[in-house]
PDB file of N, CA and C in Angstrom:
ATOM      1  N   MET A   1     106.359 161.995  55.827  1.00  0.00           N
ATOM      2  CA  MET A   1     107.333 162.041  56.886  1.00  0.00           C
ATOM      3  C   MET A   1     107.791 160.612  57.220  1.00  0.00           C
ATOM      4  N   ALA A   2     109.101 160.415  57.301  1.00  0.00           N
ATOM      5  CA  ALA A   2     109.656 159.100  57.595  1.00  0.00           C
ATOM      6  C   ALA A   2     109.475 158.755  59.072  1.00  0.00           C
ATOM      7  N   LEU A   3     109.276 157.484  59.327  1.00  0.00           N
ATOM      8  CA  LEU A   3     109.183 157.020  60.708  1.00  0.00           C
ATOM      9  C   LEU A   3     110.523 157.181  61.410  1.00  0.00           C
ATOM     10  N   LYS A   4     110.477 157.562  62.674  1.00  0.00           N
ATOM     11  CA  LYS A   4     111.705 157.648  63.462  1.00  0.00           C
ATOM     12  C   LYS A   4     112.161 156.231  63.765  1.00  0.00           C
ATOM     13  N   ARG A   5     113.416 155.968  63.497  1.00  0.00           N
ATOM     14  CA  ARG A   5     113.981 154.651  63.761  1.00  0.00           C
ATOM     15  C   ARG A   5     114.558 154.609  65.168  1.00  0.00           C
ATOM     16  N   VAL A   6     114.289 153.549  65.885  1.00  0.00           N
ATOM     17  CA  VAL A   6     114.741 153.379  67.262  1.00  0.00           C
ATOM     18  C   VAL A   6     116.145 152.784  67.264  1.00  0.00           C
ATOM     19  N   ASN A   7     117.035 153.375  68.047  1.00  0.00           N
ATOM     20  CA  ASN A   7     118.383 152.846  68.212  1.00  0.00           C
ATOM     21  C   ASN A   7     118.386 151.814  69.332  1.00  0.00           C
ATOM     22  N   CYS A   8     119.435 150.990  69.372  1.00  0.00           N
ATOM     23  CA  CYS A   8     119.474 149.883  70.337  1.00  0.00           C
ATOM     24  C   CYS A   8     119.368 150.352  71.781  1.00  0.00           C
ATOM     25  N   TRP A   9     120.013 151.460  72.124  1.00  0.00           N
ATOM     26  CA  TRP A   9     119.977 151.913  73.524  1.00  0.00           C
ATOM     27  C   TRP A   9     118.589 152.372  73.939  1.00  0.00           C
ATOM     28  N   ASP A  10     117.790 152.830  72.986  1.00  0.00           N
ATOM     29  CA  ASP A  10     116.402 153.187  73.295  1.00  0.00           C
ATOM     30  C   ASP A  10     115.539 151.929  73.412  1.00  0.00           C
ATOM     31  N   PHE A  11     115.767 150.989  72.525  1.00  0.00           N
ATOM     32  CA  PHE A  11     114.999 149.740  72.518  1.00  0.00           C
ATOM     33  C   PHE A  11     115.245 148.931  73.789  1.00  0.00           C
ATOM     34  N   THR A  12     116.507 148.810  74.184  1.00  0.00           N
ATOM     35  CA  THR A  12     116.861 147.993  75.350  1.00  0.00           C
ATOM     36  C   THR A  12     116.796 148.766  76.660  1.00  0.00           C
ATOM     37  N   GLU A  13     116.758 150.096  76.560  1.00  0.00           N
ATOM     38  CA  GLU A  13     116.779 150.976  77.736  1.00  0.00           C
ATOM     39  C   GLU A  13     117.984 150.671  78.627  1.00  0.00           C
ATOM     40  N   CYS A  14     119.132 150.420  77.983  1.00  0.00           N
ATOM     41  CA  CYS A  14     120.347 150.066  78.729  1.00  0.00           C
ATOM     42  C   CYS A  14     120.959 151.252  79.461  1.00  0.00           C
ATOM     43  N   GLY A  15     120.697 152.465  78.989  1.00  0.00           N
ATOM     44  CA  GLY A  15     121.249 153.647  79.641  1.00  0.00           C
ATOM     45  C   GLY A  15     122.728 153.854  79.403  1.00  0.00           C
ATOM     46  N   ARG A  16     123.259 153.252  78.333  1.00  0.00           N
ATOM     47  CA  ARG A  16     124.693 153.377  78.049  1.00  0.00           C
ATOM     48  C   ARG A  16     124.998 154.349  76.915  1.00  0.00           C
ATOM     49  N   GLU A  17     124.003 155.093  76.449  1.00  0.00           N
ATOM     50  CA  GLU A  17     124.244 156.141  75.457  1.00  0.00           C
ATOM     51  C   GLU A  17     124.878 157.332  76.167  1.00  0.00           C
ATOM     52  N   PRO A  18     125.565 158.230  75.443  1.00  0.00           N
ATOM     53  CA  PRO A  18     126.146 159.405  76.106  1.00  0.00           C
ATOM     54  C   PRO A  18     125.080 160.139  76.926  1.00  0.00           C
ATOM     55  N   GLY A  19     125.375 160.361  78.200  1.00  0.00           N
ATOM     56  CA  GLY A  19     124.427 160.999  79.107  1.00  0.00           C
ATOM     57  C   GLY A  19     123.415 160.046  79.711  1.00  0.00           C
ATOM     58  N   GLY A  20     123.524 158.767  79.385  1.00  0.00           N
ATOM     59  CA  GLY A  20     122.568 157.772  79.875  1.00  0.00           C
ATOM     60  C   GLY A  20     122.720 157.467  81.355  1.00  0.00           C
ATOM     61  N   LYS A  21     121.685 156.886  81.920  1.00  0.00           N
ATOM     62  CA  LYS A  21     121.613 156.649  83.364  1.00  0.00           C
ATOM     63  C   LYS A  21     122.636 155.646  83.892  1.00  0.00           C
ATOM     64  N   ASN A  22     123.202 154.806  83.036  1.00  0.00           N
ATOM     65  CA  ASN A  22     124.139 153.778  83.500  1.00  0.00           C
ATOM     66  C   ASN A  22     125.586 153.997  83.072  1.00  0.00           C
ATOM     67  N   THR A  23     125.877 155.126  82.466  1.00  0.00           N
ATOM     68  CA  THR A  23     127.246 155.330  81.976  1.00  0.00           C
ATOM     69  C   THR A  23     128.271 155.453  83.098  1.00  0.00           C
ATOM     70  N   ALA A  24     127.889 155.968  84.246  1.00  0.00           N
ATOM     71  CA  ALA A  24     128.845 156.101  85.357  1.00  0.00           C
ATOM     72  C   ALA A  24     129.330 154.736  85.834  1.00  0.00           C
ATOM     73  N   VAL A  25     128.461 153.741  85.785  1.00  0.00           N
ATOM     74  CA  VAL A  25     128.805 152.404  86.265  1.00  0.00           C
ATOM     75  C   VAL A  25     129.315 151.507  85.137  1.00  0.00           C
ATOM     76  N   LEU A  26     128.618 151.513  83.997  1.00  0.00           N
ATOM     77  CA  LEU A  26     128.927 150.586  82.907  1.00  0.00           C
ATOM     78  C   LEU A  26     129.734 151.195  81.771  1.00  0.00           C
ATOM     79  N   GLY A  27     129.838 152.517  81.751  1.00  0.00           N
ATOM     80  CA  GLY A  27     130.532 153.187  80.659  1.00  0.00           C
ATOM     81  C   GLY A  27     129.615 153.408  79.471  1.00  0.00           C
ATOM     82  N   ILE A  28     130.107 154.160  78.510  1.00  0.00           N
ATOM     83  CA  ILE A  28     129.343 154.435  77.292  1.00  0.00           C
ATOM     84  C   ILE A  28     129.529 153.271  76.327  1.00  0.00           C
ATOM     85  N   CYS A  29     128.452 152.811  75.762  1.00  0.00           N
ATOM     86  CA  CYS A  29     128.497 151.700  74.811  1.00  0.00           C
ATOM     87  C   CYS A  29     129.200 152.145  73.532  1.00  0.00           C
ATOM     88  N   PRO A  30     130.110 151.342  73.014  1.00  0.00           N
ATOM     89  CA  PRO A  30     130.800 151.714  71.782  1.00  0.00           C
ATOM     90  C   PRO A  30     129.858 151.868  70.582  1.00  0.00           C
ATOM     91  N   ALA A  31     128.723 151.196  70.584  1.00  0.00           N
ATOM     92  CA  ALA A  31     127.768 151.353  69.479  1.00  0.00           C
ATOM     93  C   ALA A  31     127.195 152.767  69.448  1.00  0.00           C
ATOM     94  N   ALA A  32     127.072 153.382  70.607  1.00  0.00           N
ATOM     95  CA  ALA A  32     126.493 154.726  70.695  1.00  0.00           C
ATOM     96  C   ALA A  32     127.440 155.813  70.202  1.00  0.00           C
ATOM     97  N   THR A  33     128.718 155.496  70.073  1.00  0.00           N
ATOM     98  CA  THR A  33     129.702 156.503  69.650  1.00  0.00           C
ATOM     99  C   THR A  33     130.450 156.121  68.382  1.00  0.00           C
ATOM    100  N   GLU A  34     130.121 154.993  67.776  1.00  0.00           N
ATOM    101  CA  GLU A  34     130.829 154.512  66.584  1.00  0.00           C
ATOM    102  C   GLU A  34     130.358 155.263  65.340  1.00  0.00           C
ATOM    103  N   GLU A  35     131.040 156.354  65.036  1.00  0.00           N
ATOM    104  CA  GLU A  35     130.633 157.246  63.949  1.00  0.00           C
ATOM    105  C   GLU A  35     130.827 156.647  62.562  1.00  0.00           C
ATOM    106  N   ARG A  36     131.703 155.670  62.410  1.00  0.00           N
ATOM    107  CA  ARG A  36     131.919 155.064  61.082  1.00  0.00           C
ATOM    108  C   ARG A  36     130.645 154.421  60.546  1.00  0.00           C
ATOM    109  N   TYR A  37     129.752 154.022  61.434  1.00  0.00           N
ATOM    110  CA  TYR A  37     128.541 153.327  61.026  1.00  0.00           C
ATOM    111  C   TYR A  37     127.297 154.209  61.097  1.00  0.00           C
ATOM    112  N   ASP A  38     127.498 155.506  61.244  1.00  0.00           N
ATOM    113  CA  ASP A  38     126.368 156.429  61.318  1.00  0.00           C
ATOM    114  C   ASP A  38     125.526 156.329  60.050  1.00  0.00           C
ATOM    115  N   GLY A  39     124.232 156.146  60.214  1.00  0.00           N
ATOM    116  CA  GLY A  39     123.312 156.074  59.088  1.00  0.00           C
ATOM    117  C   GLY A  39     123.043 154.667  58.591  1.00  0.00           C
ATOM    118  N   ILE A  40     123.868 153.694  58.977  1.00  0.00           N
ATOM    119  CA  ILE A  40     123.601 152.321  58.547  1.00  0.00           C
ATOM    120  C   ILE A  40     122.297 151.864  59.190  1.00  0.00           C
ATOM    121  N   ASN A  41     121.440 151.294  58.378  1.00  0.00           N
ATOM    122  CA  ASN A  41     120.088 150.884  58.792  1.00  0.00           C
ATOM    123  C   ASN A  41     119.314 152.050  59.404  1.00  0.00           C
ATOM    124  N   ARG A  42     119.690 153.261  58.970  1.00  0.00           N
ATOM    125  CA  ARG A  42     119.053 154.515  59.373  1.00  0.00           C
ATOM    126  C   ARG A  42     119.165 154.772  60.877  1.00  0.00           C
ATOM    127  N   GLY A  43     120.297 154.368  61.449  1.00  0.00           N
ATOM    128  CA  GLY A  43     120.523 154.580  62.873  1.00  0.00           C
ATOM    129  C   GLY A  43     121.518 155.692  63.152  1.00  0.00           C
ATOM    130  N   GLU A  44     121.548 156.114  64.408  1.00  0.00           N
ATOM    131  CA  GLU A  44     122.517 157.107  64.875  1.00  0.00           C
ATOM    132  C   GLU A  44     123.780 156.363  65.294  1.00  0.00           C
ATOM    133  N   ASN A  45     124.920 156.767  64.735  1.00  0.00           N
ATOM    134  CA  ASN A  45     126.178 156.048  64.936  1.00  0.00           C
ATOM    135  C   ASN A  45     125.923 154.570  64.623  1.00  0.00           C
ATOM    136  N   ALA A  46     126.182 153.647  65.540  1.00  0.00           N
ATOM    137  CA  ALA A  46     125.893 152.231  65.259  1.00  0.00           C
ATOM    138  C   ALA A  46     124.657 151.764  66.023  1.00  0.00           C
ATOM    139  N   GLY A  47     123.744 152.671  66.252  1.00  0.00           N
ATOM    140  CA  GLY A  47     122.552 152.367  67.029  1.00  0.00           C
ATOM    141  C   GLY A  47     121.608 151.368  66.407  1.00  0.00           C
ATOM    142  N   ARG A  48     121.735 151.149  65.107  1.00  0.00           N
ATOM    143  CA  ARG A  48     120.940 150.128  64.428  1.00  0.00           C
ATOM    144  C   ARG A  48     121.873 149.169  63.683  1.00  0.00           C
ATOM    145  N   PHE A  49     123.083 149.055  64.227  1.00  0.00           N
ATOM    146  CA  PHE A  49     124.116 148.185  63.657  1.00  0.00           C
ATOM    147  C   PHE A  49     125.022 147.696  64.783  1.00  0.00           C
ATOM    148  N   CYS A  50     124.452 147.593  65.984  1.00  0.00           N
ATOM    149  CA  CYS A  50     125.215 147.283  67.204  1.00  0.00           C
ATOM    150  C   CYS A  50     125.910 145.932  67.142  1.00  0.00           C
ATOM    151  N   TRP A  51     125.326 144.973  66.424  1.00  0.00           N
ATOM    152  CA  TRP A  51     125.919 143.639  66.322  1.00  0.00           C
ATOM    153  C   TRP A  51     127.292 143.664  65.656  1.00  0.00           C
ATOM    154  N   ALA A  52     127.611 144.725  64.940  1.00  0.00           N
ATOM    155  CA  ALA A  52     128.895 144.816  64.251  1.00  0.00           C
ATOM    156  C   ALA A  52     129.980 145.469  65.103  1.00  0.00           C
ATOM    157  N   VAL A  53     129.637 145.893  66.321  1.00  0.00           N
ATOM    158  CA  VAL A  53     130.568 146.645  67.163  1.00  0.00           C
ATOM    159  C   VAL A  53     131.018 145.797  68.353  1.00  0.00           C
ATOM    160  N   ALA A  54     132.306 145.492  68.398  1.00  0.00           N
ATOM    161  CA  ALA A  54     132.865 144.742  69.527  1.00  0.00           C
ATOM    162  C   ALA A  54     132.708 145.557  70.807  1.00  0.00           C
ATOM    163  N   GLY A  55     132.326 144.890  71.873  1.00  0.00           N
ATOM    164  CA  GLY A  55     132.177 145.553  73.161  1.00  0.00           C
ATOM    165  C   GLY A  55     130.793 146.091  73.440  1.00  0.00           C
ATOM    166  N   SER A  56     129.885 145.986  72.466  1.00  0.00           N
ATOM    167  CA  SER A  56     128.509 146.393  72.753  1.00  0.00           C
ATOM    168  C   SER A  56     127.888 145.340  73.667  1.00  0.00           C
ATOM    169  N   PHE A  57     126.833 145.712  74.368  1.00  0.00           N
ATOM    170  CA  PHE A  57     126.219 144.821  75.352  1.00  0.00           C
ATOM    171  C   PHE A  57     125.022 144.087  74.766  1.00  0.00           C
ATOM    172  N   CYS A  58     124.810 142.894  75.246  1.00  0.00           N
ATOM    173  CA  CYS A  58     123.612 142.121  74.939  1.00  0.00           C
ATOM    174  C   CYS A  58     123.188 141.463  76.243  1.00  0.00           C
ATOM    175  N   ASN A  59     121.977 141.714  76.668  1.00  0.00           N
ATOM    176  CA  ASN A  59     121.484 141.175  77.939  1.00  0.00           C
ATOM    177  C   ASN A  59     122.432 141.501  79.093  1.00  0.00           C
ATOM    178  N   SER A  60     122.887 142.738  79.130  1.00  0.00           N
ATOM    179  CA  SER A  60     123.755 143.260  80.193  1.00  0.00           C
ATOM    180  C   SER A  60     125.138 142.620  80.251  1.00  0.00           C
ATOM    181  N   THR A  61     125.554 141.979  79.163  1.00  0.00           N
ATOM    182  CA  THR A  61     126.868 141.351  79.101  1.00  0.00           C
ATOM    183  C   THR A  61     127.623 141.880  77.892  1.00  0.00           C
ATOM    184  N   ALA A  62     128.871 142.300  78.108  1.00  0.00           N
ATOM    185  CA  ALA A  62     129.692 142.783  76.996  1.00  0.00           C
ATOM    186  C   ALA A  62     129.941 141.640  76.024  1.00  0.00           C
ATOM    187  N   GLN A  63     129.839 141.958  74.754  1.00  0.00           N
ATOM    188  CA  GLN A  63     130.021 140.961  73.707  1.00  0.00           C
ATOM    189  C   GLN A  63     131.380 141.132  73.044  1.00  0.00           C
ATOM    190  N   GLY A  64     131.881 140.077  72.467  1.00  0.00           N
ATOM    191  CA  GLY A  64     133.163 140.104  71.774  1.00  0.00           C
ATOM    192  C   GLY A  64     132.996 140.509  70.325  1.00  0.00           C
ATOM    193  N   SER A  65     133.796 139.924  69.475  1.00  0.00           N
ATOM    194  CA  SER A  65     133.791 140.256  68.051  1.00  0.00           C
ATOM    195  C   SER A  65     132.510 139.755  67.386  1.00  0.00           C
ATOM    196  N   LEU A  66     132.235 140.292  66.213  1.00  0.00           N
ATOM    197  CA  LEU A  66     131.051 139.894  65.450  1.00  0.00           C
ATOM    198  C   LEU A  66     131.069 138.399  65.167  1.00  0.00           C
ATOM    199  N   ALA A  67     132.216 137.866  64.803  1.00  0.00           N
ATOM    200  CA  ALA A  67     132.308 136.445  64.482  1.00  0.00           C
ATOM    201  C   ALA A  67     131.907 135.568  65.666  1.00  0.00           C
ATOM    202  N   ARG A  68     132.235 135.997  66.865  1.00  0.00           N
ATOM    203  CA  ARG A  68     131.938 135.199  68.062  1.00  0.00           C
ATOM    204  C   ARG A  68     130.480 135.280  68.490  1.00  0.00           C
ATOM    205  N   ARG A  69     129.790 136.336  68.154  1.00  0.00           N
ATOM    206  CA  ARG A  69     128.440 136.505  68.695  1.00  0.00           C
ATOM    207  C   ARG A  69     127.336 136.545  67.657  1.00  0.00           C
ATOM    208  N   LEU A  70     127.661 136.426  66.389  1.00  0.00           N
ATOM    209  CA  LEU A  70     126.654 136.593  65.343  1.00  0.00           C
ATOM    210  C   LEU A  70     125.456 135.668  65.535  1.00  0.00           C
ATOM    211  N   GLU A  71     125.696 134.442  65.935  1.00  0.00           N
ATOM    212  CA  GLU A  71     124.588 133.503  66.105  1.00  0.00           C
ATOM    213  C   GLU A  71     123.562 134.015  67.118  1.00  0.00           C
ATOM    214  N   SER A  72     124.036 134.560  68.243  1.00  0.00           N
ATOM    215  CA  SER A  72     123.084 135.088  69.229  1.00  0.00           C
ATOM    216  C   SER A  72     122.435 136.372  68.727  1.00  0.00           C
ATOM    217  N   CYS A  73     123.169 137.184  67.980  1.00  0.00           N
ATOM    218  CA  CYS A  73     122.590 138.419  67.434  1.00  0.00           C
ATOM    219  C   CYS A  73     121.448 138.112  66.471  1.00  0.00           C
ATOM    220  N   LEU A  74     121.586 137.042  65.704  1.00  0.00           N
ATOM    221  CA  LEU A  74     120.553 136.689  64.734  1.00  0.00           C
ATOM    222  C   LEU A  74     119.223 136.334  65.397  1.00  0.00           C
ATOM    223  N   LYS A  75     119.244 136.056  66.698  1.00  0.00           N
ATOM    224  CA  LYS A  75     118.031 135.721  67.453  1.00  0.00           C
ATOM    225  C   LYS A  75     117.532 136.889  68.303  1.00  0.00           C
ATOM    226  N   CYS A  76     118.276 137.974  68.322  1.00  0.00           N
ATOM    227  CA  CYS A  76     117.968 139.129  69.166  1.00  0.00           C
ATOM    228  C   CYS A  76     116.713 139.857  68.667  1.00  0.00           C
ATOM    229  N   ASP A  77     115.828 140.229  69.589  1.00  0.00           N
ATOM    230  CA  ASP A  77     114.593 140.937  69.224  1.00  0.00           C
ATOM    231  C   ASP A  77     114.881 142.251  68.507  1.00  0.00           C
ATOM    232  N   PHE A  78     115.904 142.975  68.953  1.00  0.00           N
ATOM    233  CA  PHE A  78     116.225 144.245  68.306  1.00  0.00           C
ATOM    234  C   PHE A  78     116.761 144.016  66.894  1.00  0.00           C
ATOM    235  N   PHE A  79     117.653 143.062  66.726  1.00  0.00           N
ATOM    236  CA  PHE A  79     118.183 142.715  65.405  1.00  0.00           C
ATOM    237  C   PHE A  79     117.034 142.376  64.455  1.00  0.00           C
ATOM    238  N   LEU A  80     116.115 141.537  64.907  1.00  0.00           N
ATOM    239  CA  LEU A  80     114.978 141.128  64.073  1.00  0.00           C
ATOM    240  C   LEU A  80     114.082 142.314  63.729  1.00  0.00           C
ATOM    241  N   LYS A  81     113.921 143.248  64.657  1.00  0.00           N
ATOM    242  CA  LYS A  81     113.133 144.465  64.410  1.00  0.00           C
ATOM    243  C   LYS A  81     113.781 145.301  63.307  1.00  0.00           C
ATOM    244  N   VAL A  82     115.087 145.515  63.410  1.00  0.00           N
ATOM    245  CA  VAL A  82     115.801 146.307  62.403  1.00  0.00           C
ATOM    246  C   VAL A  82     115.711 145.626  61.045  1.00  0.00           C
ATOM    247  N   GLN A  83     115.939 144.335  61.022  1.00  0.00           N
ATOM    248  CA  GLN A  83     115.879 143.580  59.768  1.00  0.00           C
ATOM    249  C   GLN A  83     114.502 143.723  59.109  1.00  0.00           C
ATOM    250  N   LYS A  84     113.451 143.622  59.891  1.00  0.00           N
ATOM    251  CA  LYS A  84     112.088 143.740  59.360  1.00  0.00           C
ATOM    252  C   LYS A  84     111.817 145.156  58.857  1.00  0.00           C
ATOM    253  N   GLU A  85     112.214 146.165  59.627  1.00  0.00           N
ATOM    254  CA  GLU A  85     111.950 147.552  59.244  1.00  0.00           C
ATOM    255  C   GLU A  85     112.730 147.975  58.001  1.00  0.00           C
ATOM    256  N   GLU A  86     113.950 147.509  57.878  1.00  0.00           N
ATOM    257  CA  GLU A  86     114.793 147.937  56.756  1.00  0.00           C
ATOM    258  C   GLU A  86     114.558 147.121  55.490  1.00  0.00           C
ATOM    259  N   GLU A  87     113.995 145.945  55.623  1.00  0.00           N
ATOM    260  CA  GLU A  87     113.697 145.067  54.491  1.00  0.00           C
ATOM    261  C   GLU A  87     114.904 144.919  53.568  1.00  0.00           C
ATOM    262  N   ARG A  88     114.764 145.278  52.313  1.00  0.00           N
ATOM    263  CA  ARG A  88     115.844 145.102  51.323  1.00  0.00           C
ATOM    264  C   ARG A  88     117.035 146.019  51.558  1.00  0.00           C
ATOM    265  N   GLY A  89     116.845 147.081  52.320  1.00  0.00           N
ATOM    266  CA  GLY A  89     117.938 148.000  52.612  1.00  0.00           C
ATOM    267  C   GLY A  89     118.753 147.602  53.837  1.00  0.00           C
ATOM    268  N   PHE A  90     118.433 146.456  54.430  1.00  0.00           N
ATOM    269  CA  PHE A  90     119.097 145.998  55.651  1.00  0.00           C
ATOM    270  C   PHE A  90     120.573 145.693  55.406  1.00  0.00           C
ATOM    271  N   THR A  91     121.417 146.174  56.319  1.00  0.00           N
ATOM    272  CA  THR A  91     122.850 145.900  56.257  1.00  0.00           C
ATOM    273  C   THR A  91     123.215 144.987  57.413  1.00  0.00           C
ATOM    274  N   LEU A  92     123.773 143.811  57.086  1.00  0.00           N
ATOM    275  CA  LEU A  92     124.173 142.835  58.093  1.00  0.00           C
ATOM    276  C   LEU A  92     125.632 142.986  58.504  1.00  0.00           C
ATOM    277  N   LEU A  93     126.505 143.171  57.514  1.00  0.00           N
ATOM    278  CA  LEU A  93     127.944 143.203  57.765  1.00  0.00           C
ATOM    279  C   LEU A  93     128.536 144.571  57.472  1.00  0.00           C
ATOM    280  N   PRO A  94     129.618 144.918  58.164  1.00  0.00           N
ATOM    281  CA  PRO A  94     130.270 146.213  57.917  1.00  0.00           C
ATOM    282  C   PRO A  94     130.778 146.312  56.480  1.00  0.00           C
ATOM    283  N   PRO A  95     130.723 147.510  55.897  1.00  0.00           N
ATOM    284  CA  PRO A  95     131.273 147.698  54.551  1.00  0.00           C
ATOM    285  C   PRO A  95     132.786 147.510  54.583  1.00  0.00           C
ATOM    286  N   LYS A  96     133.322 147.058  53.482  1.00  0.00           N
ATOM    287  CA  LYS A  96     134.782 146.836  53.400  1.00  0.00           C
ATOM    288  C   LYS A  96     135.525 148.118  53.187  1.00  0.00           C
TER     289      LYS A  96
END
């Protein structure tokens, strides 16, 4: 049986997933609904690929484009967790 992979909203407990505790105030995170990235790094929608989604939150602050925030994402505990768990199957950048 494969290990269940944790998505960013579960790891950070941000409450911005659909039905989450903070959606009324902060809205739904675009990573939680970005279906184009479903399955990347074995996540739900972009739940394990949040760094590639503009408007996702980091430390309770909305982030801009990938190019603008990649440096901070590379230091993020969740990013490092996904990278370690996925090993050679890790996807850093969106497919073309």
